[in-house]
Amino acid sequence: VGVFYRAPEPGAAPFVDTGDLVSPGQQVGIVEAMKLMIPVEADRGGRVVDVLCPDSTAVEFGAPLFALAET
Protein backbone atom coordinates (compact mmCIF):
# COMPACT_ATOMS: atom_id res chain seq x y z
CA VAL A 1 0.00 0.00 0.00
CA GLY A 2 2.84 2.42 0.79
CA VAL A 3 6.29 3.04 2.26
CA PHE A 4 6.72 3.40 6.03
CA TYR A 5 9.03 6.08 7.41
CA ARG A 6 10.01 6.28 11.08
CA ALA A 7 11.13 9.94 10.96
CA PRO A 8 9.62 13.16 9.61
CA GLU A 9 12.49 13.63 7.12
CA PRO A 10 15.76 11.94 6.15
CA GLY A 11 18.41 12.33 8.86
CA ALA A 12 15.90 13.36 11.54
CA ALA A 13 15.32 11.44 14.77
CA PRO A 14 12.53 8.84 14.60
CA PHE A 15 9.12 9.73 15.97
CA VAL A 16 9.47 6.93 18.55
CA ASP A 17 12.07 4.31 19.40
CA THR A 18 12.39 1.23 21.57
CA GLY A 19 11.72 2.10 25.21
CA ASP A 20 9.60 5.19 24.47
CA LEU A 21 6.14 5.62 25.97
CA VAL A 22 3.37 6.38 23.48
CA SER A 23 -0.15 7.67 24.00
CA PRO A 24 -3.23 6.83 21.92
CA GLY A 25 -3.29 9.13 18.90
CA GLN A 26 0.42 10.02 19.11
CA GLN A 27 2.16 10.11 15.73
CA VAL A 28 4.64 7.24 15.46
CA GLY A 29 5.49 7.34 11.75
CA ILE A 30 4.45 8.24 8.22
CA VAL A 31 3.25 6.13 5.30
CA GLU A 32 3.79 7.52 1.81
CA ALA A 33 1.09 6.33 -0.55
CA MET A 34 0.54 7.76 -4.03
CA LYS A 35 2.75 10.79 -3.20
CA LEU A 36 0.70 11.54 -0.06
CA MET A 37 2.37 11.55 3.37
CA ILE A 38 -0.14 9.99 5.78
CA PRO A 39 0.55 10.23 9.52
CA VAL A 40 0.54 6.93 11.42
CA GLU A 41 -0.86 7.25 14.95
CA ALA A 42 -0.72 4.83 17.88
CA ASP A 43 -4.05 3.07 18.35
CA ARG A 44 -3.32 2.50 22.04
CA GLY A 45 -0.86 3.59 24.69
CA GLY A 46 2.13 1.64 25.97
CA ARG A 47 5.90 1.28 25.84
CA VAL A 48 7.57 0.47 22.50
CA VAL A 49 9.32 -2.88 23.01
CA ASP A 50 10.22 -3.58 19.38
CA VAL A 51 10.25 -1.86 15.99
CA LEU A 52 8.77 -4.47 13.64
CA CYS A 53 9.12 -2.52 10.39
CA PRO A 54 12.42 -0.94 9.37
CA ASP A 55 12.52 2.59 7.96
CA SER A 56 11.74 3.00 4.24
CA THR A 57 10.03 -0.39 4.00
CA ALA A 58 7.01 -1.19 1.83
CA VAL A 59 3.99 -2.02 4.00
CA GLU A 60 0.50 -3.37 3.45
CA PHE A 61 -2.70 -2.15 5.10
CA GLY A 62 -2.92 -3.42 8.69
CA ALA A 63 0.74 -4.52 8.91
CA PRO A 64 2.13 -4.33 12.47
CA LEU A 65 4.80 -1.62 12.75
CA PHE A 66 5.65 -1.66 16.47
CA ALA A 67 5.20 -4.01 19.42
CA LEU A 68 3.81 -2.27 22.51
CA ALA A 69 3.70 -3.43 26.12
CA GLU A 70 0.96 -2.11 28.37
CA THR A 71 2.21 0.19 31.11
PDB file of N, CA and C in Angstrom:
ATOM      1  N   VAL A   1       0.821  -1.190   0.000  1.00  0.00           N
ATOM      2  CA  VAL A   1       0.000   0.000   0.000  1.00  0.00           C
ATOM      3  C   VAL A   1       0.865   1.254   0.000  1.00  0.00           C
ATOM      4  N   GLY A   2       2.000   1.240   0.712  1.00  0.00           N
ATOM      5  CA  GLY A   2       2.841   2.420   0.791  1.00  0.00           C
ATOM      6  C   GLY A   2       4.196   2.106   1.387  1.00  0.00           C
ATOM      7  N   VAL A   3       4.953   3.173   1.661  1.00  0.00           N
ATOM      8  CA  VAL A   3       6.286   3.038   2.258  1.00  0.00           C
ATOM      9  C   VAL A   3       6.253   3.682   3.645  1.00  0.00           C
ATOM     10  N   PHE A   4       6.723   2.938   4.643  1.00  0.00           N
ATOM     11  CA  PHE A   4       6.721   3.404   6.032  1.00  0.00           C
ATOM     12  C   PHE A   4       8.017   4.137   6.335  1.00  0.00           C
ATOM     13  N   TYR A   5       7.876   5.301   6.961  1.00  0.00           N
ATOM     14  CA  TYR A   5       9.030   6.083   7.410  1.00  0.00           C
ATOM     15  C   TYR A   5       8.912   6.314   8.909  1.00  0.00           C
ATOM     16  N   ARG A   6      10.004   6.108   9.622  1.00  0.00           N
ATOM     17  CA  ARG A   6      10.015   6.276  11.084  1.00  0.00           C
ATOM     18  C   ARG A   6      10.265   7.706  11.519  1.00  0.00           C
ATOM     19  N   ALA A   7      10.772   8.566  10.612  1.00  0.00           N
ATOM     20  CA  ALA A   7      11.134   9.941  10.960  1.00  0.00           C
ATOM     21  C   ALA A   7      10.432  10.918  10.021  1.00  0.00           C
ATOM     22  N   PRO A   8      10.313  12.179  10.437  1.00  0.00           N
ATOM     23  CA  PRO A   8       9.619  13.161   9.610  1.00  0.00           C
ATOM     24  C   PRO A   8      10.362  13.537   8.331  1.00  0.00           C
ATOM     25  N   GLU A   9      11.687  13.350   8.315  1.00  0.00           N
ATOM     26  CA  GLU A   9      12.489  13.628   7.124  1.00  0.00           C
ATOM     27  C   GLU A   9      13.803  12.863   7.230  1.00  0.00           C
ATOM     28  N   PRO A  10      14.485  12.659   6.107  1.00  0.00           N
ATOM     29  CA  PRO A  10      15.763  11.936   6.154  1.00  0.00           C
ATOM     30  C   PRO A  10      16.753  12.619   7.099  1.00  0.00           C
ATOM     31  N   GLY A  11      17.420  11.819   7.923  1.00  0.00           N
ATOM     32  CA  GLY A  11      18.410  12.335   8.860  1.00  0.00           C
ATOM     33  C   GLY A  11      17.846  12.813  10.185  1.00  0.00           C
ATOM     34  N   ALA A  12      16.530  12.915  10.292  1.00  0.00           N
ATOM     35  CA  ALA A  12      15.896  13.355  11.541  1.00  0.00           C
ATOM     36  C   ALA A  12      15.743  12.171  12.496  1.00  0.00           C
ATOM     37  N   ALA A  13      15.577  12.484  13.766  1.00  0.00           N
ATOM     38  CA  ALA A  13      15.323  11.441  14.769  1.00  0.00           C
ATOM     39  C   ALA A  13      13.965  10.797  14.500  1.00  0.00           C
ATOM     40  N   PRO A  14      13.828   9.489  14.800  1.00  0.00           N
ATOM     41  CA  PRO A  14      12.534   8.838  14.604  1.00  0.00           C
ATOM     42  C   PRO A  14      11.474   9.407  15.544  1.00  0.00           C
ATOM     43  N   PHE A  15      10.221   9.282  15.134  1.00  0.00           N
ATOM     44  CA  PHE A  15       9.120   9.734  15.975  1.00  0.00           C
ATOM     45  C   PHE A  15       9.152   9.031  17.331  1.00  0.00           C
ATOM     46  N   VAL A  16       9.354   7.723  17.317  1.00  0.00           N
ATOM     47  CA  VAL A  16       9.469   6.935  18.548  1.00  0.00           C
ATOM     48  C   VAL A  16      10.526   5.851  18.346  1.00  0.00           C
ATOM     49  N   ASP A  17      11.064   5.367  19.459  1.00  0.00           N
ATOM     50  CA  ASP A  17      12.073   4.312  19.396  1.00  0.00           C
ATOM     51  C   ASP A  17      11.820   3.333  20.538  1.00  0.00           C
ATOM     52  N   THR A  18      12.524   2.237  20.528  1.00  0.00           N
ATOM     53  CA  THR A  18      12.387   1.228  21.574  1.00  0.00           C
ATOM     54  C   THR A  18      12.572   1.874  22.948  1.00  0.00           C
ATOM     55  N   GLY A  19      11.663   1.566  23.862  1.00  0.00           N
ATOM     56  CA  GLY A  19      11.720   2.100  25.213  1.00  0.00           C
ATOM     57  C   GLY A  19      10.855   3.330  25.429  1.00  0.00           C
ATOM     58  N   ASP A  20      10.425   3.988  24.342  1.00  0.00           N
ATOM     59  CA  ASP A  20       9.596   5.188  24.469  1.00  0.00           C
ATOM     60  C   ASP A  20       8.168   4.836  24.885  1.00  0.00           C
ATOM     61  N   LEU A  21       7.560   5.734  25.654  1.00  0.00           N
ATOM     62  CA  LEU A  21       6.141   5.621  25.970  1.00  0.00           C
ATOM     63  C   LEU A  21       5.346   6.350  24.902  1.00  0.00           C
ATOM     64  N   VAL A  22       4.245   5.733  24.446  1.00  0.00           N
ATOM     65  CA  VAL A  22       3.372   6.377  23.475  1.00  0.00           C
ATOM     66  C   VAL A  22       1.965   6.458  24.040  1.00  0.00           C
ATOM     67  N   SER A  23       1.240   7.465  23.600  1.00  0.00           N
ATOM     68  CA  SER A  23      -0.151   7.675  23.997  1.00  0.00           C
ATOM     69  C   SER A  23      -1.050   7.396  22.805  1.00  0.00           C
ATOM     70  N   PRO A  24      -2.304   7.023  23.042  1.00  0.00           N
ATOM     71  CA  PRO A  24      -3.229   6.834  21.923  1.00  0.00           C
ATOM     72  C   PRO A  24      -3.312   8.122  21.098  1.00  0.00           C
ATOM     73  N   GLY A  25      -3.216   7.985  19.792  1.00  0.00           N
ATOM     74  CA  GLY A  25      -3.295   9.127  18.898  1.00  0.00           C
ATOM     75  C   GLY A  25      -1.967   9.813  18.628  1.00  0.00           C
ATOM     76  N   GLN A  26      -0.897   9.417  19.322  1.00  0.00           N
ATOM     77  CA  GLN A  26       0.415  10.017  19.107  1.00  0.00           C
ATOM     78  C   GLN A  26       0.983   9.560  17.766  1.00  0.00           C
ATOM     79  N   GLN A  27       1.569  10.477  17.006  1.00  0.00           N
ATOM     80  CA  GLN A  27       2.164  10.110  15.731  1.00  0.00           C
ATOM     81  C   GLN A  27       3.424   9.297  15.970  1.00  0.00           C
ATOM     82  N   VAL A  28       3.505   8.139  15.298  1.00  0.00           N
ATOM     83  CA  VAL A  28       4.642   7.237  15.458  1.00  0.00           C
ATOM     84  C   VAL A  28       5.381   6.998  14.141  1.00  0.00           C
ATOM     85  N   GLY A  29       4.862   7.520  13.045  1.00  0.00           N
ATOM     86  CA  GLY A  29       5.492   7.338  11.748  1.00  0.00           C
ATOM     87  C   GLY A  29       4.687   7.990  10.652  1.00  0.00           C
ATOM     88  N   ILE A  30       5.115   7.718   9.417  1.00  0.00           N
ATOM     89  CA  ILE A  30       4.448   8.240   8.218  1.00  0.00           C
ATOM     90  C   ILE A  30       4.408   7.112   7.196  1.00  0.00           C
ATOM     91  N   VAL A  31       3.313   7.026   6.450  1.00  0.00           N
ATOM     92  CA  VAL A  31       3.246   6.132   5.297  1.00  0.00           C
ATOM     93  C   VAL A  31       3.049   6.998   4.061  1.00  0.00           C
ATOM     94  N   GLU A  32       3.930   6.817   3.089  1.00  0.00           N
ATOM     95  CA  GLU A  32       3.791   7.515   1.815  1.00  0.00           C
ATOM     96  C   GLU A  32       3.035   6.605   0.864  1.00  0.00           C
ATOM     97  N   ALA A  33       1.901   7.094   0.386  1.00  0.00           N
ATOM     98  CA  ALA A  33       1.086   6.331  -0.551  1.00  0.00           C
ATOM     99  C   ALA A  33       0.611   7.268  -1.652  1.00  0.00           C
ATOM    100  N   MET A  34       0.946   6.954  -2.871  1.00  0.00           N
ATOM    101  CA  MET A  34       0.538   7.757  -4.027  1.00  0.00           C
ATOM    102  C   MET A  34       0.927   9.228  -3.853  1.00  0.00           C
ATOM    103  N   LYS A  35       2.159   9.455  -3.400  1.00  0.00           N
ATOM    104  CA  LYS A  35       2.749  10.789  -3.202  1.00  0.00           C
ATOM    105  C   LYS A  35       2.120  11.567  -2.045  1.00  0.00           C
ATOM    106  N   LEU A  36       1.278  10.919  -1.246  1.00  0.00           N
ATOM    107  CA  LEU A  36       0.702  11.544  -0.057  1.00  0.00           C
ATOM    108  C   LEU A  36       1.431  11.027   1.177  1.00  0.00           C
ATOM    109  N   MET A  37       1.732  11.925   2.113  1.00  0.00           N
ATOM    110  CA  MET A  37       2.366  11.552   3.372  1.00  0.00           C
ATOM    111  C   MET A  37       1.266  11.453   4.431  1.00  0.00           C
ATOM    112  N   ILE A  38       0.966  10.241   4.855  1.00  0.00           N
ATOM    113  CA  ILE A  38      -0.144   9.986   5.777  1.00  0.00           C
ATOM    114  C   ILE A  38       0.422   9.684   7.160  1.00  0.00           C
ATOM    115  N   PRO A  39       0.052  10.489   8.172  1.00  0.00           N
ATOM    116  CA  PRO A  39       0.553  10.227   9.523  1.00  0.00           C
ATOM    117  C   PRO A  39       0.044   8.885  10.051  1.00  0.00           C
ATOM    118  N   VAL A  40       0.912   8.174  10.757  1.00  0.00           N
ATOM    119  CA  VAL A  40       0.542   6.929  11.425  1.00  0.00           C
ATOM    120  C   VAL A  40       0.479   7.245  12.915  1.00  0.00           C
ATOM    121  N   GLU A  41      -0.662   6.957  13.535  1.00  0.00           N
ATOM    122  CA  GLU A  41      -0.857   7.245  14.954  1.00  0.00           C
ATOM    123  C   GLU A  41      -1.037   5.955  15.746  1.00  0.00           C
ATOM    124  N   ALA A  42      -0.557   5.984  16.992  1.00  0.00           N
ATOM    125  CA  ALA A  42      -0.717   4.830  17.883  1.00  0.00           C
ATOM    126  C   ALA A  42      -2.202   4.611  18.157  1.00  0.00           C
ATOM    127  N   ASP A  43      -2.652   3.364  18.071  1.00  0.00           N
ATOM    128  CA  ASP A  43      -4.054   3.070  18.350  1.00  0.00           C
ATOM    129  C   ASP A  43      -4.300   2.814  19.837  1.00  0.00           C
ATOM    130  N   ARG A  44      -3.208   2.677  20.589  1.00  0.00           N
ATOM    131  CA  ARG A  44      -3.319   2.502  22.043  1.00  0.00           C
ATOM    132  C   ARG A  44      -2.018   2.979  22.677  1.00  0.00           C
ATOM    133  N   GLY A  45      -2.050   3.157  23.975  1.00  0.00           N
ATOM    134  CA  GLY A  45      -0.857   3.585  24.687  1.00  0.00           C
ATOM    135  C   GLY A  45      -0.021   2.409  25.139  1.00  0.00           C
ATOM    136  N   GLY A  46       1.231   2.680  25.462  1.00  0.00           N
ATOM    137  CA  GLY A  46       2.130   1.640  25.967  1.00  0.00           C
ATOM    138  C   GLY A  46       3.574   2.028  25.753  1.00  0.00           C
ATOM    139  N   ARG A  47       4.457   1.083  26.032  1.00  0.00           N
ATOM    140  CA  ARG A  47       5.897   1.276  25.839  1.00  0.00           C
ATOM    141  C   ARG A  47       6.316   0.493  24.598  1.00  0.00           C
ATOM    142  N   VAL A  48       7.072   1.133  23.707  1.00  0.00           N
ATOM    143  CA  VAL A  48       7.566   0.471  22.498  1.00  0.00           C
ATOM    144  C   VAL A  48       8.625  -0.555  22.924  1.00  0.00           C
ATOM    145  N   VAL A  49       8.362  -1.830  22.658  1.00  0.00           N
ATOM    146  CA  VAL A  49       9.316  -2.884  23.012  1.00  0.00           C
ATOM    147  C   VAL A  49      10.072  -3.408  21.794  1.00  0.00           C
ATOM    148  N   ASP A  50       9.534  -3.136  20.592  1.00  0.00           N
ATOM    149  CA  ASP A  50      10.220  -3.580  19.382  1.00  0.00           C
ATOM    150  C   ASP A  50       9.705  -2.777  18.190  1.00  0.00           C
ATOM    151  N   VAL A  51      10.602  -2.489  17.256  1.00  0.00           N
ATOM    152  CA  VAL A  51      10.246  -1.863  15.987  1.00  0.00           C
ATOM    153  C   VAL A  51      10.181  -3.001  14.979  1.00  0.00           C
ATOM    154  N   LEU A  52       8.979  -3.308  14.497  1.00  0.00           N
ATOM    155  CA  LEU A  52       8.770  -4.468  13.637  1.00  0.00           C
ATOM    156  C   LEU A  52       8.997  -4.177  12.159  1.00  0.00           C
ATOM    157  N   CYS A  53       8.979  -2.898  11.794  1.00  0.00           N
ATOM    158  CA  CYS A  53       9.115  -2.519  10.390  1.00  0.00           C
ATOM    159  C   CYS A  53      10.249  -1.514  10.243  1.00  0.00           C
ATOM    160  N   PRO A  54      11.312  -1.871   9.550  1.00  0.00           N
ATOM    161  CA  PRO A  54      12.424  -0.937   9.366  1.00  0.00           C
ATOM    162  C   PRO A  54      12.002   0.298   8.560  1.00  0.00           C
ATOM    163  N   ASP A  55      12.767   1.359   8.701  1.00  0.00           N
ATOM    164  CA  ASP A  55      12.519   2.592   7.963  1.00  0.00           C
ATOM    165  C   ASP A  55      12.599   2.350   6.457  1.00  0.00           C
ATOM    166  N   SER A  56      11.758   3.048   5.717  1.00  0.00           N
ATOM    167  CA  SER A  56      11.742   3.002   4.239  1.00  0.00           C
ATOM    168  C   SER A  56      11.369   1.630   3.697  1.00  0.00           C
ATOM    169  N   THR A  57      10.470   0.946   4.399  1.00  0.00           N
ATOM    170  CA  THR A  57      10.034  -0.389   3.998  1.00  0.00           C
ATOM    171  C   THR A  57       8.619  -0.336   3.441  1.00  0.00           C
ATOM    172  N   ALA A  58       8.360  -1.083   2.381  1.00  0.00           N
ATOM    173  CA  ALA A  58       7.011  -1.188   1.835  1.00  0.00           C
ATOM    174  C   ALA A  58       6.128  -1.934   2.830  1.00  0.00           C
ATOM    175  N   VAL A  59       4.928  -1.403   3.056  1.00  0.00           N
ATOM    176  CA  VAL A  59       3.992  -2.020   4.002  1.00  0.00           C
ATOM    177  C   VAL A  59       2.620  -2.176   3.356  1.00  0.00           C
ATOM    178  N   GLU A  60       1.873  -3.135   3.870  1.00  0.00           N
ATOM    179  CA  GLU A  60       0.497  -3.370   3.453  1.00  0.00           C
ATOM    180  C   GLU A  60      -0.450  -2.816   4.513  1.00  0.00           C
ATOM    181  N   PHE A  61      -1.692  -2.614   4.160  1.00  0.00           N
ATOM    182  CA  PHE A  61      -2.697  -2.147   5.103  1.00  0.00           C
ATOM    183  C   PHE A  61      -2.802  -3.122   6.272  1.00  0.00           C
ATOM    184  N   GLY A  62      -2.764  -2.596   7.496  1.00  0.00           N
ATOM    185  CA  GLY A  62      -2.915  -3.419   8.688  1.00  0.00           C
ATOM    186  C   GLY A  62      -1.644  -4.098   9.170  1.00  0.00           C
ATOM    187  N   ALA A  63      -0.518  -3.877   8.488  1.00  0.00           N
ATOM    188  CA  ALA A  63       0.745  -4.516   8.911  1.00  0.00           C
ATOM    189  C   ALA A  63       1.187  -3.965  10.265  1.00  0.00           C
ATOM    190  N   PRO A  64       1.636  -4.826  11.189  1.00  0.00           N
ATOM    191  CA  PRO A  64       2.128  -4.329  12.469  1.00  0.00           C
ATOM    192  C   PRO A  64       3.473  -3.602  12.284  1.00  0.00           C
ATOM    193  N   LEU A  65       3.598  -2.441  12.887  1.00  0.00           N
ATOM    194  CA  LEU A  65       4.799  -1.625  12.749  1.00  0.00           C
ATOM    195  C   LEU A  65       5.639  -1.629  14.012  1.00  0.00           C
ATOM    196  N   PHE A  66       4.979  -1.685  15.177  1.00  0.00           N
ATOM    197  CA  PHE A  66       5.651  -1.662  16.470  1.00  0.00           C
ATOM    198  C   PHE A  66       4.992  -2.683  17.381  1.00  0.00           C
ATOM    199  N   ALA A  67       5.762  -3.183  18.348  1.00  0.00           N
ATOM    200  CA  ALA A  67       5.205  -4.010  19.421  1.00  0.00           C
ATOM    201  C   ALA A  67       5.164  -3.129  20.660  1.00  0.00           C
ATOM    202  N   LEU A  68       3.991  -3.070  21.299  1.00  0.00           N
ATOM    203  CA  LEU A  68       3.815  -2.271  22.511  1.00  0.00           C
ATOM    204  C   LEU A  68       3.518  -3.163  23.699  1.00  0.00           C
ATOM    205  N   ALA A  69       4.038  -2.765  24.862  1.00  0.00           N
ATOM    206  CA  ALA A  69       3.696  -3.427  26.117  1.00  0.00           C
ATOM    207  C   ALA A  69       2.845  -2.451  26.912  1.00  0.00           C
ATOM    208  N   GLU A  70       1.815  -2.961  27.548  1.00  0.00           N
ATOM    209  CA  GLU A  70       0.964  -2.109  28.373  1.00  0.00           C
ATOM    210  C   GLU A  70       1.784  -1.608  29.570  1.00  0.00           C
ATOM    211  N   THR A  71       1.493  -0.376  29.962  1.00  0.00           N
ATOM    212  CA  THR A  71       2.209   0.193  31.112  1.00  0.00           C
ATOM    213  C   THR A  71       1.279   0.362  32.288  1.00  0.00           C
TER     214      THR A  71
END
